[in-house]
Protein backbone atom coordinates (compact mmCIF):
# COMPACT_ATOMS: atom_id res chain seq x y z
CA MET A 1 68.55 -89.22 89.52
CA ASN A 2 68.61 -86.04 87.43
CA GLU A 3 65.61 -83.70 87.47
CA TYR A 4 64.84 -82.20 84.06
CA ARG A 5 61.64 -80.32 84.88
CA ARG A 6 61.53 -76.54 84.61
CA SER A 7 60.36 -76.06 88.19
CA LEU A 8 61.13 -77.81 91.45
CA ARG A 9 58.24 -80.05 92.53
CA LYS A 10 57.39 -81.18 96.03
CA THR A 11 55.05 -83.86 97.35
CA PRO A 12 52.80 -82.94 100.28
CA PHE A 13 53.40 -84.83 103.51
CA THR A 14 49.64 -85.12 104.07
CA ASN A 15 46.62 -85.91 101.92
CA THR A 16 45.76 -82.57 100.28
CA PRO A 17 42.33 -82.57 98.60
CA VAL A 18 41.71 -80.32 95.60
CA ASN A 19 38.24 -78.87 95.10
CA ASN A 20 36.56 -77.97 91.84
CA MET A 21 35.49 -74.44 92.79
CA MET A 22 32.63 -74.47 90.24
CA THR A 23 30.94 -77.58 91.67
CA GLY A 24 32.30 -77.67 95.22
CA GLU A 25 33.28 -81.33 94.74
CA VAL A 26 36.69 -82.83 95.43
CA LEU A 27 38.35 -83.42 92.05
CA GLY A 28 41.37 -85.27 93.45
CA ARG A 29 44.39 -84.84 95.68
CA ILE A 30 47.78 -83.29 95.10
CA GLY A 31 50.46 -85.75 93.99
CA ASN A 32 53.10 -83.04 93.69
CA LEU A 33 53.16 -79.29 93.32
CA SER A 34 55.38 -76.71 91.63
CA SER A 35 55.15 -72.98 91.08
CA ASP A 36 53.68 -73.52 87.62
CA GLY A 37 51.53 -76.63 87.97
CA MET A 38 50.66 -79.83 89.76
CA LEU A 39 50.14 -83.53 89.45
CA MET A 40 46.83 -84.73 90.84
CA VAL A 41 45.60 -88.21 91.70
CA CYS A 42 41.94 -88.45 90.64
CA GLU A 43 39.19 -91.04 90.99
CA SER A 44 38.03 -90.46 87.41
CA GLU A 45 39.75 -89.56 84.17
CA ILE A 46 39.91 -85.83 83.40
CA ALA A 47 38.86 -84.64 79.96
CA SER A 48 41.77 -83.70 77.74
CA ASP A 49 42.66 -79.99 77.69
CA ALA A 50 39.92 -79.17 80.25
CA LEU A 51 39.95 -75.88 82.16
CA PHE A 52 39.17 -75.70 85.89
CA GLN A 53 39.09 -73.28 88.79
CA LEU A 54 40.61 -75.25 91.68
CA GLY A 55 41.14 -74.65 95.36
CA PHE A 56 43.27 -76.32 98.02
CA GLU A 57 45.04 -75.45 101.27
CA LEU A 58 48.73 -75.46 102.11
CA ASP A 59 50.15 -75.11 105.60
CA ASP A 60 52.77 -72.39 105.96
CA ASP A 61 55.86 -72.64 108.16
CA HIS A 62 53.68 -71.74 111.20
CA ASN A 63 51.15 -74.54 110.47
CA LYS A 64 48.61 -71.95 109.39
CA ALA A 65 46.50 -72.94 106.37
CA HIS A 66 46.68 -70.73 103.29
CA ALA A 67 43.79 -71.15 100.83
CA ILE A 68 45.07 -71.34 97.26
CA ASN A 69 42.83 -70.68 94.25
CA VAL A 70 44.16 -71.32 90.74
CA GLY A 71 42.90 -71.48 87.19
CA VAL A 72 44.38 -74.56 85.52
CA GLN A 73 44.50 -76.37 82.20
CA GLN A 74 44.76 -80.16 82.11
CA MET A 75 47.84 -81.12 80.09
CA TRP A 76 47.82 -84.93 80.27
CA SER A 77 46.18 -87.87 82.02
CA GLU A 78 46.93 -91.58 82.38
CA PRO A 79 45.83 -94.52 84.52
CA ALA A 80 47.64 -94.70 87.86
CA ASN A 81 49.13 -97.86 89.38
CA VAL A 82 45.99 -98.29 91.51
CA PRO A 83 42.95 -99.55 89.58
CA GLY A 84 40.29 -96.85 89.30
CA GLN A 85 42.70 -93.96 89.84
CA PHE A 86 44.24 -91.59 87.32
CA TRP A 87 47.18 -89.22 87.28
CA ALA A 88 46.56 -85.84 85.68
CA GLY A 89 48.99 -83.03 85.02
CA PHE A 90 47.80 -79.41 85.27
CA HIS A 91 49.43 -76.14 84.27
CA PHE A 92 48.54 -72.97 86.19
CA ILE A 93 47.04 -70.39 83.84
CA ASP A 94 45.71 -67.95 86.47
CA ILE A 95 47.14 -67.48 89.96
CA SER A 96 47.39 -64.45 92.23
CA ASP A 97 50.77 -63.12 93.31
CA ALA A 98 49.91 -63.97 96.94
CA ASP A 99 49.00 -67.58 96.10
CA LEU A 100 52.11 -68.02 93.94
CA SER A 101 54.25 -66.66 96.77
CA ALA A 102 52.59 -69.06 99.24
CA ILE A 103 53.30 -72.03 96.93
CA GLU A 104 56.93 -70.98 96.42
CA SER A 105 57.38 -70.56 100.17
CA TRP A 106 55.78 -73.95 100.84
CA ILE A 107 58.08 -75.63 98.32
CA GLY A 108 61.12 -73.94 99.87
CA ASN A 109 60.05 -74.89 103.40
CA ASN A 110 59.48 -78.54 102.48
CA GLU A 111 62.71 -79.34 100.69
CA ASP A 112 63.92 -82.91 101.08
């Protein structure tokens, strides 16, 4: 299968919750992650074009958790295959150099 996306995407091996940093609530979990965005699986539909400050943790190659904080914009949403769940695509609009580096390292260390 050919991959036509701009950036390589990887799926976490474990359930990785994503927190809405403004409310402290879990917004969903990572479906896949790239250096410029992510797919999330959510329990409720996300408003179109919404902006969020999100946080999640990724384990580095030494199994040490790195807290990631990103500003995102929701790009699309659709019902998932499981009733009551939704897929939502997010584009990173604000991310620190350190967090971007951690994501890129994580993707590189988890290649299939």
